[in-house]
């Protein structure tokens, strides 16, 4: 950055003159700071939400990050096949496959049965 030039107006107000490139760099830095602040606010909000929820196990989180749905990651974590879990809750394997791929959403009753069968908090089952 070049040294700024300070100019006093007839009313005593001080003005700072800087090269346009420096001005644009300051604008970019300010925009990045606003974006960072927004990210921090989102992080803080999510962190507050987590205080009321039990955190997912690391294996489940990693499976979700690799592209699995949360339901599939929970089933894999419990080392169950689709057929085994479907039989446990009394639905077809195809229906469970649709739930795992988010082609269908579970009812409240199905969510409750899934949570019980997987031995997880009900809020872990997405609806």
C-alpha atoms as a PDB file:
ATOM      1  CA  UNK A   1       0.000   0.000   0.000  1.00  0.00           C
ATOM      2  CA  UNK A   2       1.226   3.475  -0.829  1.00  0.00           C
ATOM      3  CA  UNK A   3       1.335   6.207   1.786  1.00  0.00           C
ATOM      4  CA  UNK A   4      -1.982   8.061   1.977  1.00  0.00           C
ATOM      5  CA  UNK A   5      -2.245  11.784   1.404  1.00  0.00           C
ATOM      6  CA  UNK A   6      -4.277  13.740   3.955  1.00  0.00           C
ATOM      7  CA  UNK A   7      -6.072  16.877   2.805  1.00  0.00           C
ATOM      8  CA  UNK A   8      -7.897  19.354   5.064  1.00  0.00           C
ATOM      9  CA  UNK A   9     -11.010  21.017   3.703  1.00  0.00           C
ATOM     10  CA  UNK A  10     -11.952  24.611   4.436  1.00  0.00           C
ATOM     11  CA  UNK A  11     -14.325  23.316   7.139  1.00  0.00           C
ATOM     12  CA  UNK A  12     -11.527  21.404   8.856  1.00  0.00           C
ATOM     13  CA  UNK A  13     -12.626  17.958   7.694  1.00  0.00           C
ATOM     14  CA  UNK A  14      -9.722  15.658   6.924  1.00  0.00           C
ATOM     15  CA  UNK A  15      -9.876  13.612   3.712  1.00  0.00           C
ATOM     16  CA  UNK A  16      -7.597  10.730   2.883  1.00  0.00           C
ATOM     17  CA  UNK A  17      -6.459  10.200  -0.687  1.00  0.00           C
ATOM     18  CA  UNK A  18      -5.160   6.759  -1.656  1.00  0.00           C
ATOM     19  CA  UNK A  19      -4.446   5.079  -4.988  1.00  0.00           C
ATOM     20  CA  UNK A  20      -7.458   3.398  -6.597  1.00  0.00           C
ATOM     21  CA  UNK A  21      -5.780  -0.036  -6.396  1.00  0.00           C
ATOM     22  CA  UNK A  22      -5.385   0.394  -2.622  1.00  0.00           C
ATOM     23  CA  UNK A  23      -9.011   1.513  -2.320  1.00  0.00           C
ATOM     24  CA  UNK A  24     -10.197  -1.572  -4.257  1.00  0.00           C
ATOM     25  CA  UNK A  25      -8.025  -3.822  -2.080  1.00  0.00           C
ATOM     26  CA  UNK A  26      -9.633  -2.299   1.030  1.00  0.00           C
ATOM     27  CA  UNK A  27     -13.105  -2.918  -0.432  1.00  0.00           C
ATOM     28  CA  UNK A  28     -12.251  -6.571  -1.141  1.00  0.00           C
ATOM     29  CA  UNK A  29     -10.888  -6.990   2.383  1.00  0.00           C
ATOM     30  CA  UNK A  30     -14.067  -5.469   3.848  1.00  0.00           C
ATOM     31  CA  UNK A  31     -16.261  -7.805   1.738  1.00  0.00           C
ATOM     32  CA  UNK A  32     -14.230 -10.816   2.875  1.00  0.00           C
ATOM     33  CA  UNK A  33     -14.547  -9.691   6.497  1.00  0.00           C
ATOM     34  CA  UNK A  34     -18.346  -9.459   6.118  1.00  0.00           C
ATOM     35  CA  UNK A  35     -18.445 -12.913   4.558  1.00  0.00           C
ATOM     36  CA  UNK A  36     -16.279 -14.290   7.371  1.00  0.00           C
ATOM     37  CA  UNK A  37     -18.562 -12.670   9.951  1.00  0.00           C
ATOM     38  CA  UNK A  38     -21.586 -14.314   8.297  1.00  0.00           C
ATOM     39  CA  UNK A  39     -19.806 -17.688   8.403  1.00  0.00           C
ATOM     40  CA  UNK A  40     -19.013 -17.198  12.088  1.00  0.00           C
ATOM     41  CA  UNK A  41     -22.665 -16.337  12.792  1.00  0.00           C
ATOM     42  CA  UNK A  42     -23.806 -19.524  11.034  1.00  0.00           C
ATOM     43  CA  UNK A  43     -21.217 -21.545  12.962  1.00  0.00           C
ATOM     44  CA  UNK A  44     -22.287 -20.002  16.275  1.00  0.00           C
ATOM     45  CA  UNK A  45     -25.956 -20.697  15.528  1.00  0.00           C
ATOM     46  CA  UNK A  46     -25.230 -24.321  14.627  1.00  0.00           C
ATOM     47  CA  UNK A  47     -23.041 -24.740  17.702  1.00  0.00           C
ATOM     48  CA  UNK A  48     -25.932 -23.482  19.853  1.00  0.00           C
ATOM     49  CA  UNK A  49     -28.249 -25.984  18.150  1.00  0.00           C
ATOM     50  CA  UNK A  50     -25.810 -28.798  18.943  1.00  0.00           C
ATOM     51  CA  UNK A  51     -25.998 -28.053  22.657  1.00  0.00           C
ATOM     52  CA  UNK A  52     -29.573 -29.309  22.613  1.00  0.00           C
ATOM     53  CA  UNK A  53     -28.824 -32.289  20.378  1.00  0.00           C
ATOM     54  CA  UNK A  54     -26.643 -35.294  20.938  1.00  0.00           C
ATOM     55  CA  UNK A  55     -23.830 -35.213  18.367  1.00  0.00           C
ATOM     56  CA  UNK A  56     -23.685 -37.902  15.702  1.00  0.00           C
ATOM     57  CA  UNK A  57     -20.885 -40.462  16.085  1.00  0.00           C
ATOM     58  CA  UNK A  58     -17.779 -39.698  14.041  1.00  0.00           C
ATOM     59  CA  UNK A  59     -18.255 -42.792  11.832  1.00  0.00           C
ATOM     60  CA  UNK A  60     -21.764 -41.652  10.924  1.00  0.00           C
ATOM     61  CA  UNK A  61     -20.604 -38.114  10.198  1.00  0.00           C
ATOM     62  CA  UNK A  62     -17.778 -39.371   7.967  1.00  0.00           C
ATOM     63  CA  UNK A  63     -20.195 -41.616   6.055  1.00  0.00           C
ATOM     64  CA  UNK A  64     -22.535 -38.645   5.506  1.00  0.00           C
ATOM     65  CA  UNK A  65     -19.613 -36.508   4.336  1.00  0.00           C
ATOM     66  CA  UNK A  66     -18.749 -39.236   1.818  1.00  0.00           C
ATOM     67  CA  UNK A  67     -22.263 -38.931   0.359  1.00  0.00           C
ATOM     68  CA  UNK A  68     -24.467 -41.363   2.275  1.00  0.00           C
ATOM     69  CA  UNK A  69     -27.795 -40.221   3.624  1.00  0.00           C
ATOM     70  CA  UNK A  70     -27.969 -39.976   7.397  1.00  0.00           C
ATOM     71  CA  UNK A  71     -30.288 -43.011   7.553  1.00  0.00           C
ATOM     72  CA  UNK A  72     -27.910 -45.132   5.482  1.00  0.00           C
ATOM     73  CA  UNK A  73     -24.939 -43.962   7.573  1.00  0.00           C
ATOM     74  CA  UNK A  74     -26.779 -44.900  10.786  1.00  0.00           C
ATOM     75  CA  UNK A  75     -27.696 -48.306   9.370  1.00  0.00           C
ATOM     76  CA  UNK A  76     -24.089 -48.919   8.300  1.00  0.00           C
ATOM     77  CA  UNK A  77     -22.875 -47.795  11.721  1.00  0.00           C
ATOM     78  CA  UNK A  78     -25.134 -50.405  13.324  1.00  0.00           C
ATOM     79  CA  UNK A  79     -23.800 -52.953  10.792  1.00  0.00           C
ATOM     80  CA  UNK A  80     -27.247 -53.835   9.459  1.00  0.00           C
ATOM     81  CA  UNK A  81     -28.282 -54.623   5.912  1.00  0.00           C
ATOM     82  CA  UNK A  82     -31.283 -52.911   4.369  1.00  0.00           C
ATOM     83  CA  UNK A  83     -33.155 -56.223   4.504  1.00  0.00           C
ATOM     84  CA  UNK A  84     -32.400 -56.678   8.213  1.00  0.00           C
ATOM     85  CA  UNK A  85     -33.486 -53.171   9.181  1.00  0.00           C
ATOM     86  CA  UNK A  86     -36.569 -53.334   6.943  1.00  0.00           C
ATOM     87  CA  UNK A  87     -37.635 -56.628   8.525  1.00  0.00           C
ATOM     88  CA  UNK A  88     -37.078 -55.220  12.025  1.00  0.00           C
ATOM     89  CA  UNK A  89     -39.448 -52.290  11.429  1.00  0.00           C
ATOM     90  CA  UNK A  90     -41.894 -54.187   9.220  1.00  0.00           C
ATOM     91  CA  UNK A  91     -41.379 -52.473   5.858  1.00  0.00           C
ATOM     92  CA  UNK A  92     -40.061 -53.710   2.534  1.00  0.00           C
ATOM     93  CA  UNK A  93     -36.409 -53.407   1.629  1.00  0.00           C
ATOM     94  CA  UNK A  94     -37.431 -51.308  -1.377  1.00  0.00           C
ATOM     95  CA  UNK A  95     -39.288 -48.844   0.851  1.00  0.00           C
ATOM     96  CA  UNK A  96     -36.225 -48.560   3.105  1.00  0.00           C
ATOM     97  CA  UNK A  97     -34.079 -48.004   0.016  1.00  0.00           C
ATOM     98  CA  UNK A  98     -36.401 -45.147  -0.992  1.00  0.00           C
ATOM     99  CA  UNK A  99     -36.035 -43.616   2.477  1.00  0.00           C
ATOM    100  CA  UNK A 100     -32.246 -43.900   2.354  1.00  0.00           C
ATOM    101  CA  UNK A 101     -32.079 -42.272  -1.068  1.00  0.00           C
ATOM    102  CA  UNK A 102     -34.510 -39.519   0.001  1.00  0.00           C
ATOM    103  CA  UNK A 103     -37.018 -40.504  -2.701  1.00  0.00           C
ATOM    104  CA  UNK A 104     -39.553 -40.823   0.131  1.00  0.00           C
ATOM    105  CA  UNK A 105     -39.858 -39.283   3.578  1.00  0.00           C
ATOM    106  CA  UNK A 106     -40.697 -41.429   6.599  1.00  0.00           C
ATOM    107  CA  UNK A 107     -43.870 -40.846   8.553  1.00  0.00           C
ATOM    108  CA  UNK A 108     -43.568 -39.931  12.208  1.00  0.00           C
ATOM    109  CA  UNK A 109     -44.372 -43.541  13.130  1.00  0.00           C
ATOM    110  CA  UNK A 110     -41.757 -44.945  10.724  1.00  0.00           C
ATOM    111  CA  UNK A 111     -39.175 -42.464  12.019  1.00  0.00           C
ATOM    112  CA  UNK A 112     -39.933 -43.571  15.548  1.00  0.00           C
ATOM    113  CA  UNK A 113     -39.561 -47.251  14.611  1.00  0.00           C
ATOM    114  CA  UNK A 114     -36.281 -46.538  12.803  1.00  0.00           C
ATOM    115  CA  UNK A 115     -34.887 -44.657  15.801  1.00  0.00           C
ATOM    116  CA  UNK A 116     -35.845 -47.519  18.107  1.00  0.00           C
ATOM    117  CA  UNK A 117     -34.444 -50.210  15.789  1.00  0.00           C
ATOM    118  CA  UNK A 118     -31.185 -48.280  15.336  1.00  0.00           C
ATOM    119  CA  UNK A 119     -31.077 -47.355  19.045  1.00  0.00           C
ATOM    120  CA  UNK A 120     -30.558 -43.656  18.315  1.00  0.00           C
ATOM    121  CA  UNK A 121     -32.301 -40.446  19.390  1.00  0.00           C
ATOM    122  CA  UNK A 122     -35.384 -39.761  17.274  1.00  0.00           C
ATOM    123  CA  UNK A 123     -33.997 -36.372  16.115  1.00  0.00           C
ATOM    124  CA  UNK A 124     -31.259 -38.246  14.269  1.00  0.00           C
ATOM    125  CA  UNK A 125     -33.859 -39.637  11.862  1.00  0.00           C
ATOM    126  CA  UNK A 126     -34.537 -36.971   9.233  1.00  0.00           C
ATOM    127  CA  UNK A 127     -38.105 -36.392   8.141  1.00  0.00           C
END
